[in-house]
């Protein structure tokens, strides 16, 4: 697995597959890069890049005070700088979508496209707020149980389940907690209108967020596609990966005809 060094001493571990338009995937708190295990299959048609954010997985340890949406956004920019990439497509999953949204609005010249798996700019509903608070509680008091709950909720594949659990156990407890906390209290709604690339937003119909956020993005983005998958909750990168990957492929093919974006 390749490693790059940013900010003089911070090591970012990542997986990098394929060639073509580069898509950088941003994971939610604690989970690390392997939550995008099935998106590796996209490497037949594009370049897919999966970093572990600092404090997660195999990347450098940091202090919890360093965990902010802005800092993680700058980390991704420094990361793509090291890879000598002028522009990338960002794909953020769940809370990782907040980082993708922040980068897309504050570093617009570095982003050629934006894909969100249930990503959001603020925690606007009570069920999502409770989900973050429960995550914070379990990270602090029952971290091992949380890793098993998250792995089981994402897949029935025993090999992948074991990989996710092992990888999540590498994440720093304080960093994991702070990532949840930062997302819980953030509000970057006003930034959304600054995004100038097409948006692909996907989620499951069982997700509590869909009624609030699909309307939200329709009203604030100029070019968008919203896709809702039936009979599934939030875990679409693993549970609906074939359909998700096809949507991403069609999105990238469309971007490829709009050369000015990349």
C-alpha atoms as a PDB file:
ATOM      1  CA  UNK A   1       0.000   0.000   0.000  1.00  0.00           C
ATOM      2  CA  UNK A   2       1.482   3.372  -1.026  1.00  0.00           C
ATOM      3  CA  UNK A   3       2.183   6.185   1.432  1.00  0.00           C
ATOM      4  CA  UNK A   4       2.708   9.919   0.868  1.00  0.00           C
ATOM      5  CA  UNK A   5       4.080  12.450   3.315  1.00  0.00           C
ATOM      6  CA  UNK A   6       2.317  15.785   3.736  1.00  0.00           C
ATOM      7  CA  UNK A   7       2.900  18.764   6.024  1.00  0.00           C
ATOM      8  CA  UNK A   8       6.530  17.598   6.472  1.00  0.00           C
ATOM      9  CA  UNK A   9       5.832  14.611   8.716  1.00  0.00           C
ATOM     10  CA  UNK A  10       2.262  13.332   8.336  1.00  0.00           C
ATOM     11  CA  UNK A  11       1.939  10.030   6.480  1.00  0.00           C
ATOM     12  CA  UNK A  12      -1.216   9.274   4.516  1.00  0.00           C
ATOM     13  CA  UNK A  13      -1.707   5.650   3.513  1.00  0.00           C
ATOM     14  CA  UNK A  14      -3.926   4.960   0.521  1.00  0.00           C
ATOM     15  CA  UNK A  15      -4.916   2.516  -2.199  1.00  0.00           C
ATOM     16  CA  UNK A  16      -4.686   3.629  -5.815  1.00  0.00           C
ATOM     17  CA  UNK A  17      -6.094   1.623  -8.722  1.00  0.00           C
ATOM     18  CA  UNK A  18      -6.703   2.205 -12.416  1.00  0.00           C
ATOM     19  CA  UNK A  19      -6.097   5.049 -14.824  1.00  0.00           C
ATOM     20  CA  UNK A  20      -8.073   7.980 -16.160  1.00  0.00           C
ATOM     21  CA  UNK A  21     -10.211  10.524 -14.337  1.00  0.00           C
ATOM     22  CA  UNK A  22      -9.145  10.445 -10.651  1.00  0.00           C
ATOM     23  CA  UNK A  23     -11.853   9.903  -8.029  1.00  0.00           C
ATOM     24  CA  UNK A  24     -10.847  10.408  -4.371  1.00  0.00           C
ATOM     25  CA  UNK A  25     -13.058   8.707  -1.788  1.00  0.00           C
ATOM     26  CA  UNK A  26     -13.511  10.186   1.717  1.00  0.00           C
ATOM     27  CA  UNK A  27     -14.620   7.859   4.489  1.00  0.00           C
ATOM     28  CA  UNK A  28     -16.804   8.581   7.565  1.00  0.00           C
ATOM     29  CA  UNK A  29     -15.552   8.547  11.180  1.00  0.00           C
ATOM     30  CA  UNK A  30     -13.607   5.466  12.223  1.00  0.00           C
ATOM     31  CA  UNK A  31     -14.180   3.356   9.131  1.00  0.00           C
ATOM     32  CA  UNK A  32     -11.161   4.024   6.965  1.00  0.00           C
ATOM     33  CA  UNK A  33     -10.586   3.319   3.311  1.00  0.00           C
ATOM     34  CA  UNK A  34     -11.809  -0.287   3.182  1.00  0.00           C
ATOM     35  CA  UNK A  35     -15.446   0.761   3.464  1.00  0.00           C
ATOM     36  CA  UNK A  36     -15.048   1.461  -0.282  1.00  0.00           C
ATOM     37  CA  UNK A  37     -13.908  -2.115  -0.926  1.00  0.00           C
ATOM     38  CA  UNK A  38     -16.367  -2.685  -3.779  1.00  0.00           C
ATOM     39  CA  UNK A  39     -15.584   0.627  -5.457  1.00  0.00           C
ATOM     40  CA  UNK A  40     -12.210  -0.853  -6.398  1.00  0.00           C
ATOM     41  CA  UNK A  41     -14.064  -2.485  -9.279  1.00  0.00           C
ATOM     42  CA  UNK A  42     -14.409   0.955 -10.856  1.00  0.00           C
ATOM     43  CA  UNK A  43     -10.676   0.876 -11.657  1.00  0.00           C
ATOM     44  CA  UNK A  44     -11.515  -0.720 -14.999  1.00  0.00           C
ATOM     45  CA  UNK A  45     -12.861   2.632 -16.178  1.00  0.00           C
ATOM     46  CA  UNK A  46     -11.225   5.335 -14.030  1.00  0.00           C
ATOM     47  CA  UNK A  47      -8.571   5.965 -11.403  1.00  0.00           C
ATOM     48  CA  UNK A  48      -9.903   5.360  -7.886  1.00  0.00           C
ATOM     49  CA  UNK A  49      -7.979   6.578  -4.833  1.00  0.00           C
ATOM     50  CA  UNK A  50      -8.827   5.620  -1.252  1.00  0.00           C
ATOM     51  CA  UNK A  51      -6.907   7.432   1.518  1.00  0.00           C
ATOM     52  CA  UNK A  52      -7.103   6.808   5.237  1.00  0.00           C
ATOM     53  CA  UNK A  53      -7.586  10.193   6.886  1.00  0.00           C
ATOM     54  CA  UNK A  54      -4.996  10.911   9.569  1.00  0.00           C
ATOM     55  CA  UNK A  55      -5.848   9.240  12.862  1.00  0.00           C
ATOM     56  CA  UNK A  56      -7.523   6.409  10.934  1.00  0.00           C
ATOM     57  CA  UNK A  57      -6.381   3.045   9.648  1.00  0.00           C
ATOM     58  CA  UNK A  58      -2.748   2.981   8.555  1.00  0.00           C
ATOM     59  CA  UNK A  59      -2.196   6.749   8.363  1.00  0.00           C
ATOM     60  CA  UNK A  60      -0.311   8.868  10.914  1.00  0.00           C
ATOM     61  CA  UNK A  61      -1.660   9.429  14.391  1.00  0.00           C
ATOM     62  CA  UNK A  62      -2.758  12.943  15.317  1.00  0.00           C
ATOM     63  CA  UNK A  63      -4.225  14.719  18.326  1.00  0.00           C
ATOM     64  CA  UNK A  64      -7.986  15.066  18.612  1.00  0.00           C
ATOM     65  CA  UNK A  65      -7.538  18.871  18.640  1.00  0.00           C
ATOM     66  CA  UNK A  66      -6.368  18.652  15.033  1.00  0.00           C
ATOM     67  CA  UNK A  67      -9.659  17.135  13.876  1.00  0.00           C
ATOM     68  CA  UNK A  68     -11.751  19.758  12.105  1.00  0.00           C
ATOM     69  CA  UNK A  69     -13.581  19.768   8.792  1.00  0.00           C
ATOM     70  CA  UNK A  70     -11.254  22.505   7.573  1.00  0.00           C
ATOM     71  CA  UNK A  71      -8.106  20.603   8.591  1.00  0.00           C
ATOM     72  CA  UNK A  72      -9.230  17.374   6.974  1.00  0.00           C
ATOM     73  CA  UNK A  73     -10.149  19.329   3.835  1.00  0.00           C
ATOM     74  CA  UNK A  74      -6.671  20.860   3.716  1.00  0.00           C
ATOM     75  CA  UNK A  75      -5.234  17.395   4.283  1.00  0.00           C
ATOM     76  CA  UNK A  76      -7.028  16.064   1.196  1.00  0.00           C
ATOM     77  CA  UNK A  77      -5.779  19.030  -0.851  1.00  0.00           C
ATOM     78  CA  UNK A  78      -2.196  18.416   0.345  1.00  0.00           C
ATOM     79  CA  UNK A  79      -2.663  14.731  -0.471  1.00  0.00           C
ATOM     80  CA  UNK A  80      -3.748  15.347  -4.056  1.00  0.00           C
ATOM     81  CA  UNK A  81      -0.906  17.867  -4.399  1.00  0.00           C
ATOM     82  CA  UNK A  82       1.549  15.090  -3.529  1.00  0.00           C
ATOM     83  CA  UNK A  83      -0.071  12.901  -6.173  1.00  0.00           C
ATOM     84  CA  UNK A  84       0.457  15.745  -8.692  1.00  0.00           C
ATOM     85  CA  UNK A  85      -3.265  15.937  -9.450  1.00  0.00           C
ATOM     86  CA  UNK A  86      -4.619  19.275 -10.632  1.00  0.00           C
ATOM     87  CA  UNK A  87      -8.288  18.330 -10.261  1.00  0.00           C
ATOM     88  CA  UNK A  88     -10.175  15.354  -8.878  1.00  0.00           C
ATOM     89  CA  UNK A  89     -13.685  14.095  -8.486  1.00  0.00           C
ATOM     90  CA  UNK A  90     -14.571  13.797  -4.803  1.00  0.00           C
ATOM     91  CA  UNK A  91     -16.767  11.053  -3.397  1.00  0.00           C
ATOM     92  CA  UNK A  92     -17.775  11.419   0.261  1.00  0.00           C
ATOM     93  CA  UNK A  93     -19.661   8.823   2.261  1.00  0.00           C
ATOM     94  CA  UNK A  94     -21.989   9.947   5.076  1.00  0.00           C
ATOM     95  CA  UNK A  95     -20.047  12.322   7.366  1.00  0.00           C
ATOM     96  CA  UNK A  96     -17.171  12.126   4.884  1.00  0.00           C
ATOM     97  CA  UNK A  97     -19.495  13.993   2.542  1.00  0.00           C
ATOM     98  CA  UNK A  98     -19.104  17.091   4.724  1.00  0.00           C
ATOM     99  CA  UNK A  99     -15.401  17.175   3.892  1.00  0.00           C
ATOM    100  CA  UNK A 100     -16.171  16.689   0.197  1.00  0.00           C
ATOM    101  CA  UNK A 101     -18.720  19.518   0.331  1.00  0.00           C
ATOM    102  CA  UNK A 102     -16.315  21.832   2.141  1.00  0.00           C
ATOM    103  CA  UNK A 103     -13.532  21.197  -0.375  1.00  0.00           C
ATOM    104  CA  UNK A 104     -15.939  21.651  -3.297  1.00  0.00           C
ATOM    105  CA  UNK A 105     -17.004  25.073  -2.005  1.00  0.00           C
ATOM    106  CA  UNK A 106     -13.654  26.374  -0.682  1.00  0.00           C
ATOM    107  CA  UNK A 107     -11.196  24.834  -3.187  1.00  0.00           C
ATOM    108  CA  UNK A 108     -13.343  24.995  -6.290  1.00  0.00           C
ATOM    109  CA  UNK A 109     -10.416  25.033  -8.714  1.00  0.00           C
ATOM    110  CA  UNK A 110      -9.332  21.575  -7.468  1.00  0.00           C
ATOM    111  CA  UNK A 111     -12.687  19.812  -7.876  1.00  0.00           C
ATOM    112  CA  UNK A 112     -14.080  18.563 -11.166  1.00  0.00           C
ATOM    113  CA  UNK A 113     -17.051  16.650  -9.799  1.00  0.00           C
ATOM    114  CA  UNK A 114     -18.857  15.747  -6.584  1.00  0.00           C
ATOM    115  CA  UNK A 115     -20.469  12.450  -5.553  1.00  0.00           C
ATOM    116  CA  UNK A 116     -22.134  11.910  -2.181  1.00  0.00           C
ATOM    117  CA  UNK A 117     -23.280   8.695  -0.540  1.00  0.00           C
ATOM    118  CA  UNK A 118     -25.861  10.237   1.792  1.00  0.00           C
ATOM    119  CA  UNK A 119     -23.582  13.191   2.506  1.00  0.00           C
ATOM    120  CA  UNK A 120     -24.915  16.287   4.273  1.00  0.00           C
ATOM    121  CA  UNK A 121     -23.824  19.866   5.131  1.00  0.00           C
ATOM    122  CA  UNK A 122     -25.454  19.951   8.579  1.00  0.00           C
ATOM    123  CA  UNK A 123     -27.172  17.569  10.983  1.00  0.00           C
ATOM    124  CA  UNK A 124     -30.727  18.816  10.508  1.00  0.00           C
ATOM    125  CA  UNK A 125     -32.917  16.041  11.883  1.00  0.00           C
ATOM    126  CA  UNK A 126     -33.217  14.451  15.314  1.00  0.00           C
ATOM    127  CA  UNK A 127     -32.554  10.870  14.209  1.00  0.00           C
ATOM    128  CA  UNK A 128     -29.245  11.815  12.570  1.00  0.00           C
ATOM    129  CA  UNK A 129     -28.314  13.827  15.656  1.00  0.00           C
ATOM    130  CA  UNK A 130     -29.019  10.811  17.831  1.00  0.00           C
ATOM    131  CA  UNK A 131     -26.958   8.607  15.526  1.00  0.00           C
ATOM    132  CA  UNK A 132     -23.921  10.859  16.008  1.00  0.00           C
ATOM    133  CA  UNK A 133     -24.377  11.031  19.775  1.00  0.00           C
ATOM    134  CA  UNK A 134     -24.678   7.259  19.995  1.00  0.00           C
ATOM    135  CA  UNK A 135     -21.548   6.925  17.888  1.00  0.00           C
ATOM    136  CA  UNK A 136     -19.682   9.234  20.262  1.00  0.00           C
ATOM    137  CA  UNK A 137     -20.897   7.276  23.294  1.00  0.00           C
ATOM    138  CA  UNK A 138     -19.943   3.896  21.861  1.00  0.00           C
ATOM    139  CA  UNK A 139     -16.522   5.110  20.706  1.00  0.00           C
ATOM    140  CA  UNK A 140     -15.769   6.220  24.256  1.00  0.00           C
ATOM    141  CA  UNK A 141     -17.239   3.258  26.129  1.00  0.00           C
ATOM    142  CA  UNK A 142     -17.667   0.283  23.780  1.00  0.00           C
ATOM    143  CA  UNK A 143     -15.355   0.814  20.805  1.00  0.00           C
ATOM    144  CA  UNK A 144     -14.957  -2.882  20.034  1.00  0.00           C
ATOM    145  CA  UNK A 145     -18.723  -3.368  20.001  1.00  0.00           C
ATOM    146  CA  UNK A 146     -19.132  -0.374  17.693  1.00  0.00           C
ATOM    147  CA  UNK A 147     -16.669  -1.801  15.165  1.00  0.00           C
ATOM    148  CA  UNK A 148     -18.660  -5.038  15.056  1.00  0.00           C
ATOM    149  CA  UNK A 149     -22.005  -3.226  14.734  1.00  0.00           C
ATOM    150  CA  UNK A 150     -20.721  -1.077  11.863  1.00  0.00           C
ATOM    151  CA  UNK A 151     -19.138  -4.026  10.063  1.00  0.00           C
ATOM    152  CA  UNK A 152     -22.267  -6.170  10.364  1.00  0.00           C
ATOM    153  CA  UNK A 153     -24.492  -3.312   9.207  1.00  0.00           C
ATOM    154  CA  UNK A 154     -22.383  -2.898   6.070  1.00  0.00           C
ATOM    155  CA  UNK A 155     -21.930  -6.460   4.840  1.00  0.00           C
ATOM    156  CA  UNK A 156     -22.710 -10.154   5.203  1.00  0.00           C
ATOM    157  CA  UNK A 157     -19.410 -11.021   3.535  1.00  0.00           C
ATOM    158  CA  UNK A 158     -17.318 -12.555   6.329  1.00  0.00           C
ATOM    159  CA  UNK A 159     -14.004 -11.665   4.670  1.00  0.00           C
ATOM    160  CA  UNK A 160     -14.957  -8.012   4.282  1.00  0.00           C
ATOM    161  CA  UNK A 161     -16.507  -7.923   7.759  1.00  0.00           C
ATOM    162  CA  UNK A 162     -13.218  -9.080   9.272  1.00  0.00           C
ATOM    163  CA  UNK A 163     -11.259  -6.568   7.189  1.00  0.00           C
ATOM    164  CA  UNK A 164     -13.505  -3.693   8.314  1.00  0.00           C
ATOM    165  CA  UNK A 165     -13.286  -4.661  11.994  1.00  0.00           C
ATOM    166  CA  UNK A 166      -9.495  -5.008  11.907  1.00  0.00           C
ATOM    167  CA  UNK A 167      -9.106  -1.693  10.133  1.00  0.00           C
ATOM    168  CA  UNK A 168     -11.536   0.236  12.349  1.00  0.00           C
ATOM    169  CA  UNK A 169      -9.707  -1.014  15.437  1.00  0.00           C
ATOM    170  CA  UNK A 170      -6.640   0.874  14.194  1.00  0.00           C
ATOM    171  CA  UNK A 171      -8.469   4.220  14.328  1.00  0.00           C
ATOM    172  CA  UNK A 172      -7.636   6.458  17.267  1.00  0.00           C
ATOM    173  CA  UNK A 173     -10.429   6.622  19.806  1.00  0.00           C
ATOM    174  CA  UNK A 174     -10.135  10.366  20.441  1.00  0.00           C
ATOM    175  CA  UNK A 175      -9.930  11.193  16.736  1.00  0.00           C
ATOM    176  CA  UNK A 176     -12.945   9.022  15.948  1.00  0.00           C
ATOM    177  CA  UNK A 177     -14.941  10.740  18.699  1.00  0.00           C
ATOM    178  CA  UNK A 178     -13.905  14.237  17.590  1.00  0.00           C
ATOM    179  CA  UNK A 179     -14.763  13.530  13.953  1.00  0.00           C
ATOM    180  CA  UNK A 180     -18.306  12.607  15.043  1.00  0.00           C
ATOM    181  CA  UNK A 181     -18.491  15.703  17.246  1.00  0.00           C
ATOM    182  CA  UNK A 182     -17.253  18.069  14.543  1.00  0.00           C
ATOM    183  CA  UNK A 183     -19.856  16.824  12.087  1.00  0.00           C
ATOM    184  CA  UNK A 184     -22.607  16.994  14.718  1.00  0.00           C
ATOM    185  CA  UNK A 185     -22.009  20.709  15.292  1.00  0.00           C
ATOM    186  CA  UNK A 186     -21.021  21.850  11.795  1.00  0.00           C
ATOM    187  CA  UNK A 187     -23.171  23.930   9.477  1.00  0.00           C
ATOM    188  CA  UNK A 188     -21.844  24.626   5.990  1.00  0.00           C
ATOM    189  CA  UNK A 189     -25.237  25.153   4.372  1.00  0.00           C
ATOM    190  CA  UNK A 190     -24.355  28.647   3.172  1.00  0.00           C
ATOM    191  CA  UNK A 191     -21.316  27.238   1.349  1.00  0.00           C
ATOM    192  CA  UNK A 192     -23.326  24.951  -0.905  1.00  0.00           C
ATOM    193  CA  UNK A 193     -24.272  27.636  -3.403  1.00  0.00           C
ATOM    194  CA  UNK A 194     -20.544  28.107  -4.141  1.00  0.00           C
ATOM    195  CA  UNK A 195     -20.243  24.611  -5.595  1.00  0.00           C
ATOM    196  CA  UNK A 196     -19.907  24.821  -9.358  1.00  0.00           C
ATOM    197  CA  UNK A 197     -19.693  21.156 -10.422  1.00  0.00           C
ATOM    198  CA  UNK A 198     -22.397  18.568 -11.126  1.00  0.00           C
ATOM    199  CA  UNK A 199     -23.609  16.692  -8.056  1.00  0.00           C
ATOM    200  CA  UNK A 200     -24.516  13.010  -7.872  1.00  0.00           C
ATOM    201  CA  UNK A 201     -26.265  12.290  -4.549  1.00  0.00           C
ATOM    202  CA  UNK A 202     -27.224   8.725  -3.623  1.00  0.00           C
ATOM    203  CA  UNK A 203     -28.862   7.168  -0.587  1.00  0.00           C
ATOM    204  CA  UNK A 204     -31.237   4.385   0.488  1.00  0.00           C
ATOM    205  CA  UNK A 205     -34.976   4.874   0.820  1.00  0.00           C
ATOM    206  CA  UNK A 206     -34.828   3.594   4.409  1.00  0.00           C
ATOM    207  CA  UNK A 207     -32.433   6.360   5.417  1.00  0.00           C
ATOM    208  CA  UNK A 208     -34.025   8.961   7.699  1.00  0.00           C
ATOM    209  CA  UNK A 209     -32.088  11.672   5.900  1.00  0.00           C
ATOM    210  CA  UNK A 210     -33.554  11.349   2.430  1.00  0.00           C
ATOM    211  CA  UNK A 211     -36.690  13.448   2.700  1.00  0.00           C
ATOM    212  CA  UNK A 212     -34.733  16.357   4.137  1.00  0.00           C
ATOM    213  CA  UNK A 213     -31.579  16.231   2.027  1.00  0.00           C
ATOM    214  CA  UNK A 214     -32.769  15.308  -1.442  1.00  0.00           C
ATOM    215  CA  UNK A 215     -34.990  18.409  -1.446  1.00  0.00           C
ATOM    216  CA  UNK A 216     -32.177  20.389   0.103  1.00  0.00           C
ATOM    217  CA  UNK A 217     -29.741  19.700  -2.735  1.00  0.00           C
ATOM    218  CA  UNK A 218     -32.384  20.174  -5.421  1.00  0.00           C
ATOM    219  CA  UNK A 219     -32.937  23.714  -4.174  1.00  0.00           C
ATOM    220  CA  UNK A 220     -29.257  24.671  -3.864  1.00  0.00           C
ATOM    221  CA  UNK A 221     -27.356  23.088  -6.742  1.00  0.00           C
ATOM    222  CA  UNK A 222     -27.656  23.952 -10.409  1.00  0.00           C
ATOM    223  CA  UNK A 223     -26.870  20.529 -11.869  1.00  0.00           C
ATOM    224  CA  UNK A 224     -27.666  17.406  -9.898  1.00  0.00           C
ATOM    225  CA  UNK A 225     -28.835  13.815 -10.059  1.00  0.00           C
ATOM    226  CA  UNK A 226     -30.475  12.215  -7.034  1.00  0.00           C
ATOM    227  CA  UNK A 227     -30.683   8.416  -6.881  1.00  0.00           C
ATOM    228  CA  UNK A 228     -32.527   6.511  -4.147  1.00  0.00           C
ATOM    229  CA  UNK A 229     -32.094   2.764  -3.757  1.00  0.00           C
ATOM    230  CA  UNK A 230     -35.031   0.764  -2.430  1.00  0.00           C
ATOM    231  CA  UNK A 231     -34.958  -1.617   0.543  1.00  0.00           C
ATOM    232  CA  UNK A 232     -31.692  -0.327   1.972  1.00  0.00           C
ATOM    233  CA  UNK A 233     -30.589   2.154   4.615  1.00  0.00           C
ATOM    234  CA  UNK A 234     -27.472   4.306   4.523  1.00  0.00           C
ATOM    235  CA  UNK A 235     -24.858   1.660   3.690  1.00  0.00           C
ATOM    236  CA  UNK A 236     -25.119   1.837  -0.082  1.00  0.00           C
ATOM    237  CA  UNK A 237     -21.366   1.576  -0.964  1.00  0.00           C
ATOM    238  CA  UNK A 238     -21.423  -2.039   0.228  1.00  0.00           C
ATOM    239  CA  UNK A 239     -25.070  -3.106   0.106  1.00  0.00           C
ATOM    240  CA  UNK A 240     -25.924  -1.646  -3.310  1.00  0.00           C
ATOM    241  CA  UNK A 241     -22.435  -1.506  -4.731  1.00  0.00           C
ATOM    242  CA  UNK A 242     -23.244  -2.749  -8.238  1.00  0.00           C
ATOM    243  CA  UNK A 243     -25.903  -0.084  -8.779  1.00  0.00           C
ATOM    244  CA  UNK A 244     -23.784   2.554  -7.045  1.00  0.00           C
ATOM    245  CA  UNK A 245     -20.802   1.759  -9.238  1.00  0.00           C
ATOM    246  CA  UNK A 246     -22.915   1.946 -12.380  1.00  0.00           C
ATOM    247  CA  UNK A 247     -24.187   5.383 -11.362  1.00  0.00           C
ATOM    248  CA  UNK A 248     -20.627   6.555 -10.731  1.00  0.00           C
ATOM    249  CA  UNK A 249     -19.497   5.186 -14.085  1.00  0.00           C
ATOM    250  CA  UNK A 250     -22.263   7.018 -15.946  1.00  0.00           C
ATOM    251  CA  UNK A 251     -21.457  10.199 -14.032  1.00  0.00           C
ATOM    252  CA  UNK A 252     -17.748   9.961 -14.924  1.00  0.00           C
ATOM    253  CA  UNK A 253     -18.524   9.211 -18.580  1.00  0.00           C
ATOM    254  CA  UNK A 254     -20.646  12.348 -18.693  1.00  0.00           C
ATOM    255  CA  UNK A 255     -17.875  14.384 -17.057  1.00  0.00           C
ATOM    256  CA  UNK A 256     -15.417  13.025 -19.584  1.00  0.00           C
ATOM    257  CA  UNK A 257     -17.429  14.731 -22.326  1.00  0.00           C
ATOM    258  CA  UNK A 258     -17.141  18.026 -20.403  1.00  0.00           C
ATOM    259  CA  UNK A 259     -13.382  18.403 -20.611  1.00  0.00           C
ATOM    260  CA  UNK A 260     -13.383  21.832 -19.001  1.00  0.00           C
ATOM    261  CA  UNK A 261     -14.295  20.243 -15.637  1.00  0.00           C
ATOM    262  CA  UNK A 262     -11.102  18.194 -15.416  1.00  0.00           C
END
